[in-house]
């Protein structure tokens, strides 16, 4: 990214002009989607959550709002929007979907599709206490800095897996969330 301040229009035009690469691998049976919410401030921000410490999986981790596909979801976009409403009360009609990133496979075997959407800067977040401990915003320009992501290779079942790590203020961002942010940065900067 250049040194100048990134506007929302610049982000969207760069994102839209760089279509995601198709994934040639087989689709897992377990599918999920997350919303990558960009807040339309004068200086755009990215909305992230910290999952509740009481959750069975990924407790306390920084994440995007999202979850598993339900039978009534007509698309992965619907899944991401439904989950964002359930977790932080983002009304689906308030989201301007601008595209999707390539799906990633989680360590638990889910194929997760990131849906990128723009939200008005007038929204108030109401976290669902059963799922979300806290909600915070990170400057989009900061999130898109490639040098903020550090790789860590972890052996799992005899195979090396690369995990990305990053910090923002008191939040440790790692795993799939950091990988999605890094991929978004690569797509926008290409």
C-alpha atoms as a PDB file:
ATOM      1  CA  UNK A   1       0.000   0.000   0.000  1.00  0.00           C
ATOM      2  CA  UNK A   2       1.195   3.521  -0.713  1.00  0.00           C
ATOM      3  CA  UNK A   3       1.903   6.023   2.048  1.00  0.00           C
ATOM      4  CA  UNK A   4      -1.176   8.193   1.274  1.00  0.00           C
ATOM      5  CA  UNK A   5      -4.453   7.760   3.119  1.00  0.00           C
ATOM      6  CA  UNK A   6      -6.627   4.986   1.651  1.00  0.00           C
ATOM      7  CA  UNK A   7     -10.199   6.052   0.902  1.00  0.00           C
ATOM      8  CA  UNK A   8     -13.143   3.689   0.822  1.00  0.00           C
ATOM      9  CA  UNK A   9     -13.559   4.288  -2.933  1.00  0.00           C
ATOM     10  CA  UNK A  10      -9.901   3.386  -3.570  1.00  0.00           C
ATOM     11  CA  UNK A  11     -10.267   0.203  -1.513  1.00  0.00           C
ATOM     12  CA  UNK A  12     -13.433  -0.878  -3.345  1.00  0.00           C
ATOM     13  CA  UNK A  13     -12.037  -0.158  -6.812  1.00  0.00           C
ATOM     14  CA  UNK A  14      -8.818  -2.085  -6.043  1.00  0.00           C
ATOM     15  CA  UNK A  15     -10.768  -4.954  -4.494  1.00  0.00           C
ATOM     16  CA  UNK A  16     -13.276  -5.206  -7.355  1.00  0.00           C
ATOM     17  CA  UNK A  17     -10.585  -4.934 -10.030  1.00  0.00           C
ATOM     18  CA  UNK A  18      -8.700  -7.917  -8.582  1.00  0.00           C
ATOM     19  CA  UNK A  19     -11.032 -10.919  -8.825  1.00  0.00           C
ATOM     20  CA  UNK A  20     -10.224 -13.820  -6.508  1.00  0.00           C
ATOM     21  CA  UNK A  21      -8.358 -16.754  -7.984  1.00  0.00           C
ATOM     22  CA  UNK A  22     -10.538 -19.835  -8.436  1.00  0.00           C
ATOM     23  CA  UNK A  23      -9.902 -22.659  -6.008  1.00  0.00           C
ATOM     24  CA  UNK A  24      -9.305 -25.961  -7.776  1.00  0.00           C
ATOM     25  CA  UNK A  25      -9.597 -28.180  -4.717  1.00  0.00           C
ATOM     26  CA  UNK A  26     -12.597 -30.318  -3.770  1.00  0.00           C
ATOM     27  CA  UNK A  27     -15.270 -28.638  -1.667  1.00  0.00           C
ATOM     28  CA  UNK A  28     -15.581 -29.871   1.930  1.00  0.00           C
ATOM     29  CA  UNK A  29     -19.063 -30.889   3.004  1.00  0.00           C
ATOM     30  CA  UNK A  30     -18.948 -28.478   5.941  1.00  0.00           C
ATOM     31  CA  UNK A  31     -19.255 -24.896   4.718  1.00  0.00           C
ATOM     32  CA  UNK A  32     -19.309 -21.566   6.492  1.00  0.00           C
ATOM     33  CA  UNK A  33     -19.074 -17.871   5.667  1.00  0.00           C
ATOM     34  CA  UNK A  34     -17.839 -14.775   7.481  1.00  0.00           C
ATOM     35  CA  UNK A  35     -18.568 -11.108   6.900  1.00  0.00           C
ATOM     36  CA  UNK A  36     -15.501  -8.889   6.470  1.00  0.00           C
ATOM     37  CA  UNK A  37     -17.188  -5.610   7.484  1.00  0.00           C
ATOM     38  CA  UNK A  38     -15.638  -2.359   6.254  1.00  0.00           C
ATOM     39  CA  UNK A  39     -17.036   0.707   8.050  1.00  0.00           C
ATOM     40  CA  UNK A  40     -17.510   3.723   5.754  1.00  0.00           C
ATOM     41  CA  UNK A  41     -15.812   6.306   7.972  1.00  0.00           C
ATOM     42  CA  UNK A  42     -13.830   9.103   6.303  1.00  0.00           C
ATOM     43  CA  UNK A  43     -10.881   6.865   7.168  1.00  0.00           C
ATOM     44  CA  UNK A  44     -12.409   3.389   6.711  1.00  0.00           C
ATOM     45  CA  UNK A  45     -12.138   0.821   9.477  1.00  0.00           C
ATOM     46  CA  UNK A  46     -12.584  -2.928   9.711  1.00  0.00           C
ATOM     47  CA  UNK A  47     -14.933  -4.431  12.304  1.00  0.00           C
ATOM     48  CA  UNK A  48     -13.663  -7.442  14.270  1.00  0.00           C
ATOM     49  CA  UNK A  49     -14.974  -9.369  17.264  1.00  0.00           C
ATOM     50  CA  UNK A  50     -13.424 -11.241  20.144  1.00  0.00           C
ATOM     51  CA  UNK A  51     -15.306 -14.485  20.657  1.00  0.00           C
ATOM     52  CA  UNK A  52     -16.765 -15.218  24.084  1.00  0.00           C
ATOM     53  CA  UNK A  53     -14.470 -17.125  26.435  1.00  0.00           C
ATOM     54  CA  UNK A  54     -17.303 -19.572  27.181  1.00  0.00           C
ATOM     55  CA  UNK A  55     -17.553 -20.912  23.617  1.00  0.00           C
ATOM     56  CA  UNK A  56     -16.596 -24.524  22.960  1.00  0.00           C
ATOM     57  CA  UNK A  57     -14.481 -23.738  19.889  1.00  0.00           C
ATOM     58  CA  UNK A  58     -12.110 -20.826  19.255  1.00  0.00           C
ATOM     59  CA  UNK A  59     -12.970 -19.224  22.614  1.00  0.00           C
ATOM     60  CA  UNK A  60     -11.482 -15.756  23.103  1.00  0.00           C
ATOM     61  CA  UNK A  61     -10.116 -15.533  19.554  1.00  0.00           C
ATOM     62  CA  UNK A  62     -10.392 -12.473  17.323  1.00  0.00           C
ATOM     63  CA  UNK A  63     -12.712 -13.260  14.436  1.00  0.00           C
ATOM     64  CA  UNK A  64     -15.062 -11.921  11.807  1.00  0.00           C
ATOM     65  CA  UNK A  65     -18.785 -12.392  12.411  1.00  0.00           C
ATOM     66  CA  UNK A  66     -19.804 -15.635  10.727  1.00  0.00           C
ATOM     67  CA  UNK A  67     -20.587 -19.285  11.006  1.00  0.00           C
ATOM     68  CA  UNK A  68     -21.963 -22.459   9.451  1.00  0.00           C
ATOM     69  CA  UNK A  69     -24.334 -22.575   6.512  1.00  0.00           C
ATOM     70  CA  UNK A  70     -27.921 -23.338   7.563  1.00  0.00           C
ATOM     71  CA  UNK A  71     -30.379 -25.190   5.325  1.00  0.00           C
ATOM     72  CA  UNK A  72     -32.491 -22.036   4.903  1.00  0.00           C
ATOM     73  CA  UNK A  73     -29.504 -19.958   3.654  1.00  0.00           C
ATOM     74  CA  UNK A  74     -29.870 -19.442  -0.093  1.00  0.00           C
ATOM     75  CA  UNK A  75     -26.196 -18.469  -0.525  1.00  0.00           C
ATOM     76  CA  UNK A  76     -22.925 -17.985   1.315  1.00  0.00           C
ATOM     77  CA  UNK A  77     -23.654 -14.251   1.317  1.00  0.00           C
ATOM     78  CA  UNK A  78     -26.916 -14.974   3.162  1.00  0.00           C
ATOM     79  CA  UNK A  79     -24.983 -17.087   5.671  1.00  0.00           C
ATOM     80  CA  UNK A  80     -22.483 -14.291   6.374  1.00  0.00           C
ATOM     81  CA  UNK A  81     -25.232 -11.675   6.718  1.00  0.00           C
ATOM     82  CA  UNK A  82     -27.410 -13.886   8.950  1.00  0.00           C
ATOM     83  CA  UNK A  83     -24.490 -14.684  11.242  1.00  0.00           C
ATOM     84  CA  UNK A  84     -23.411 -11.010  11.423  1.00  0.00           C
ATOM     85  CA  UNK A  85     -26.951 -10.132  12.505  1.00  0.00           C
ATOM     86  CA  UNK A  86     -27.006 -12.908  15.123  1.00  0.00           C
ATOM     87  CA  UNK A  87     -23.570 -12.024  16.543  1.00  0.00           C
ATOM     88  CA  UNK A  88     -23.433  -8.206  16.469  1.00  0.00           C
ATOM     89  CA  UNK A  89     -26.897  -7.064  15.258  1.00  0.00           C
ATOM     90  CA  UNK A  90     -25.796  -5.847  11.809  1.00  0.00           C
ATOM     91  CA  UNK A  91     -29.009  -5.635   9.757  1.00  0.00           C
ATOM     92  CA  UNK A  92     -28.478  -7.482   6.442  1.00  0.00           C
ATOM     93  CA  UNK A  93     -30.071  -4.622   4.501  1.00  0.00           C
ATOM     94  CA  UNK A  94     -27.417  -2.228   5.879  1.00  0.00           C
ATOM     95  CA  UNK A  95     -24.569  -4.159   4.213  1.00  0.00           C
ATOM     96  CA  UNK A  96     -23.405  -3.301   0.700  1.00  0.00           C
ATOM     97  CA  UNK A  97     -21.704  -6.521  -0.435  1.00  0.00           C
ATOM     98  CA  UNK A  98     -18.746  -5.727  -2.706  1.00  0.00           C
ATOM     99  CA  UNK A  99     -17.423  -9.250  -3.272  1.00  0.00           C
ATOM    100  CA  UNK A 100     -15.914 -12.401  -1.844  1.00  0.00           C
ATOM    101  CA  UNK A 101     -12.399 -13.647  -1.215  1.00  0.00           C
ATOM    102  CA  UNK A 102     -11.283 -17.184  -2.055  1.00  0.00           C
ATOM    103  CA  UNK A 103     -12.549 -19.736   0.453  1.00  0.00           C
ATOM    104  CA  UNK A 104     -10.127 -21.007   3.077  1.00  0.00           C
ATOM    105  CA  UNK A 105     -10.204 -24.310   4.940  1.00  0.00           C
ATOM    106  CA  UNK A 106     -10.210 -24.075   8.714  1.00  0.00           C
ATOM    107  CA  UNK A 107      -8.254 -26.339  11.043  1.00  0.00           C
ATOM    108  CA  UNK A 108     -11.608 -27.918  11.965  1.00  0.00           C
ATOM    109  CA  UNK A 109     -12.342 -28.882   8.343  1.00  0.00           C
ATOM    110  CA  UNK A 110     -14.767 -26.136   7.323  1.00  0.00           C
ATOM    111  CA  UNK A 111     -14.526 -24.346   4.000  1.00  0.00           C
ATOM    112  CA  UNK A 112     -14.998 -20.694   5.001  1.00  0.00           C
ATOM    113  CA  UNK A 113     -15.882 -18.026   2.425  1.00  0.00           C
ATOM    114  CA  UNK A 114     -15.107 -14.399   3.377  1.00  0.00           C
ATOM    115  CA  UNK A 115     -17.790 -11.967   2.153  1.00  0.00           C
ATOM    116  CA  UNK A 116     -16.600  -8.347   1.975  1.00  0.00           C
ATOM    117  CA  UNK A 117     -19.248  -5.748   2.753  1.00  0.00           C
ATOM    118  CA  UNK A 118     -19.420  -2.028   3.468  1.00  0.00           C
ATOM    119  CA  UNK A 119     -21.441  -0.709   6.429  1.00  0.00           C
ATOM    120  CA  UNK A 120     -22.568   2.861   7.128  1.00  0.00           C
ATOM    121  CA  UNK A 121     -20.570   4.730   9.751  1.00  0.00           C
ATOM    122  CA  UNK A 122     -23.729   5.368  11.791  1.00  0.00           C
ATOM    123  CA  UNK A 123     -24.206   1.780  12.975  1.00  0.00           C
ATOM    124  CA  UNK A 124     -24.116   0.745  16.612  1.00  0.00           C
ATOM    125  CA  UNK A 125     -22.872  -2.743  17.497  1.00  0.00           C
ATOM    126  CA  UNK A 126     -24.831  -4.874  19.929  1.00  0.00           C
ATOM    127  CA  UNK A 127     -22.769  -7.997  20.613  1.00  0.00           C
ATOM    128  CA  UNK A 128     -24.627 -11.185  21.475  1.00  0.00           C
ATOM    129  CA  UNK A 129     -23.066 -11.944  24.876  1.00  0.00           C
ATOM    130  CA  UNK A 130     -23.421 -15.701  24.307  1.00  0.00           C
ATOM    131  CA  UNK A 131     -21.090 -15.513  21.291  1.00  0.00           C
ATOM    132  CA  UNK A 132     -19.126 -12.242  21.395  1.00  0.00           C
ATOM    133  CA  UNK A 133     -17.061 -10.825  24.247  1.00  0.00           C
ATOM    134  CA  UNK A 134     -16.205  -7.533  22.515  1.00  0.00           C
ATOM    135  CA  UNK A 135     -16.298  -5.660  19.211  1.00  0.00           C
ATOM    136  CA  UNK A 136     -13.578  -3.327  17.961  1.00  0.00           C
ATOM    137  CA  UNK A 137     -12.593  -1.379  14.872  1.00  0.00           C
ATOM    138  CA  UNK A 138      -9.169  -1.428  13.237  1.00  0.00           C
ATOM    139  CA  UNK A 139      -8.139   1.181  10.636  1.00  0.00           C
ATOM    140  CA  UNK A 140      -8.472  -0.471   7.228  1.00  0.00           C
ATOM    141  CA  UNK A 141      -5.188   0.987   6.046  1.00  0.00           C
ATOM    142  CA  UNK A 142      -3.453  -0.581   9.053  1.00  0.00           C
ATOM    143  CA  UNK A 143      -5.140  -3.959   8.439  1.00  0.00           C
ATOM    144  CA  UNK A 144      -3.922  -3.906   4.815  1.00  0.00           C
ATOM    145  CA  UNK A 145      -0.228  -3.475   5.714  1.00  0.00           C
ATOM    146  CA  UNK A 146       1.400  -6.735   4.599  1.00  0.00           C
ATOM    147  CA  UNK A 147       4.370  -6.275   6.929  1.00  0.00           C
ATOM    148  CA  UNK A 148       2.121  -6.584   9.985  1.00  0.00           C
ATOM    149  CA  UNK A 149       1.577 -10.349   9.351  1.00  0.00           C
ATOM    150  CA  UNK A 150       4.224 -12.784  10.564  1.00  0.00           C
ATOM    151  CA  UNK A 151       4.253 -16.403   9.389  1.00  0.00           C
ATOM    152  CA  UNK A 152       4.534 -19.346  11.767  1.00  0.00           C
ATOM    153  CA  UNK A 153       4.877 -22.871  10.377  1.00  0.00           C
ATOM    154  CA  UNK A 154       3.293 -25.530  12.577  1.00  0.00           C
ATOM    155  CA  UNK A 155       3.623 -29.288  11.964  1.00  0.00           C
ATOM    156  CA  UNK A 156       0.273 -31.070  12.076  1.00  0.00           C
ATOM    157  CA  UNK A 157      -0.062 -34.771  11.255  1.00  0.00           C
ATOM    158  CA  UNK A 158       3.315 -34.714   9.513  1.00  0.00           C
ATOM    159  CA  UNK A 159       2.488 -31.699   7.315  1.00  0.00           C
ATOM    160  CA  UNK A 160       3.681 -28.107   7.802  1.00  0.00           C
ATOM    161  CA  UNK A 161       0.824 -25.596   8.032  1.00  0.00           C
ATOM    162  CA  UNK A 162       1.461 -21.871   7.784  1.00  0.00           C
ATOM    163  CA  UNK A 163      -0.377 -19.694  10.298  1.00  0.00           C
ATOM    164  CA  UNK A 164      -0.307 -15.881  10.201  1.00  0.00           C
ATOM    165  CA  UNK A 165       0.064 -13.785  13.362  1.00  0.00           C
ATOM    166  CA  UNK A 166      -0.487 -10.104  14.104  1.00  0.00           C
ATOM    167  CA  UNK A 167      -1.241  -7.719  16.971  1.00  0.00           C
ATOM    168  CA  UNK A 168      -3.484  -4.669  16.994  1.00  0.00           C
ATOM    169  CA  UNK A 169      -3.552  -2.744  20.266  1.00  0.00           C
ATOM    170  CA  UNK A 170      -4.371  -5.420  22.911  1.00  0.00           C
ATOM    171  CA  UNK A 171      -5.816  -7.846  20.338  1.00  0.00           C
ATOM    172  CA  UNK A 172      -3.866 -10.870  19.111  1.00  0.00           C
ATOM    173  CA  UNK A 173      -5.051 -11.679  15.577  1.00  0.00           C
ATOM    174  CA  UNK A 174      -3.970 -15.033  14.218  1.00  0.00           C
ATOM    175  CA  UNK A 175      -4.984 -18.095  12.263  1.00  0.00           C
ATOM    176  CA  UNK A 176      -7.777 -17.830   9.751  1.00  0.00           C
ATOM    177  CA  UNK A 177      -8.662 -14.223  10.628  1.00  0.00           C
ATOM    178  CA  UNK A 178      -5.094 -13.002  10.083  1.00  0.00           C
ATOM    179  CA  UNK A 179      -4.874 -15.120   6.919  1.00  0.00           C
ATOM    180  CA  UNK A 180      -8.065 -13.546   5.525  1.00  0.00           C
ATOM    181  CA  UNK A 181      -6.776 -10.049   6.313  1.00  0.00           C
ATOM    182  CA  UNK A 182      -3.455 -10.848   4.645  1.00  0.00           C
ATOM    183  CA  UNK A 183      -5.246 -12.229   1.568  1.00  0.00           C
ATOM    184  CA  UNK A 184      -7.403  -9.093   1.400  1.00  0.00           C
ATOM    185  CA  UNK A 185      -4.240  -7.005   1.533  1.00  0.00           C
ATOM    186  CA  UNK A 186      -2.613  -9.056  -1.239  1.00  0.00           C
ATOM    187  CA  UNK A 187      -5.721  -8.725  -3.422  1.00  0.00           C
ATOM    188  CA  UNK A 188      -6.044  -4.963  -2.929  1.00  0.00           C
ATOM    189  CA  UNK A 189      -2.314  -4.261  -3.418  1.00  0.00           C
ATOM    190  CA  UNK A 190      -1.899  -6.407  -6.564  1.00  0.00           C
END
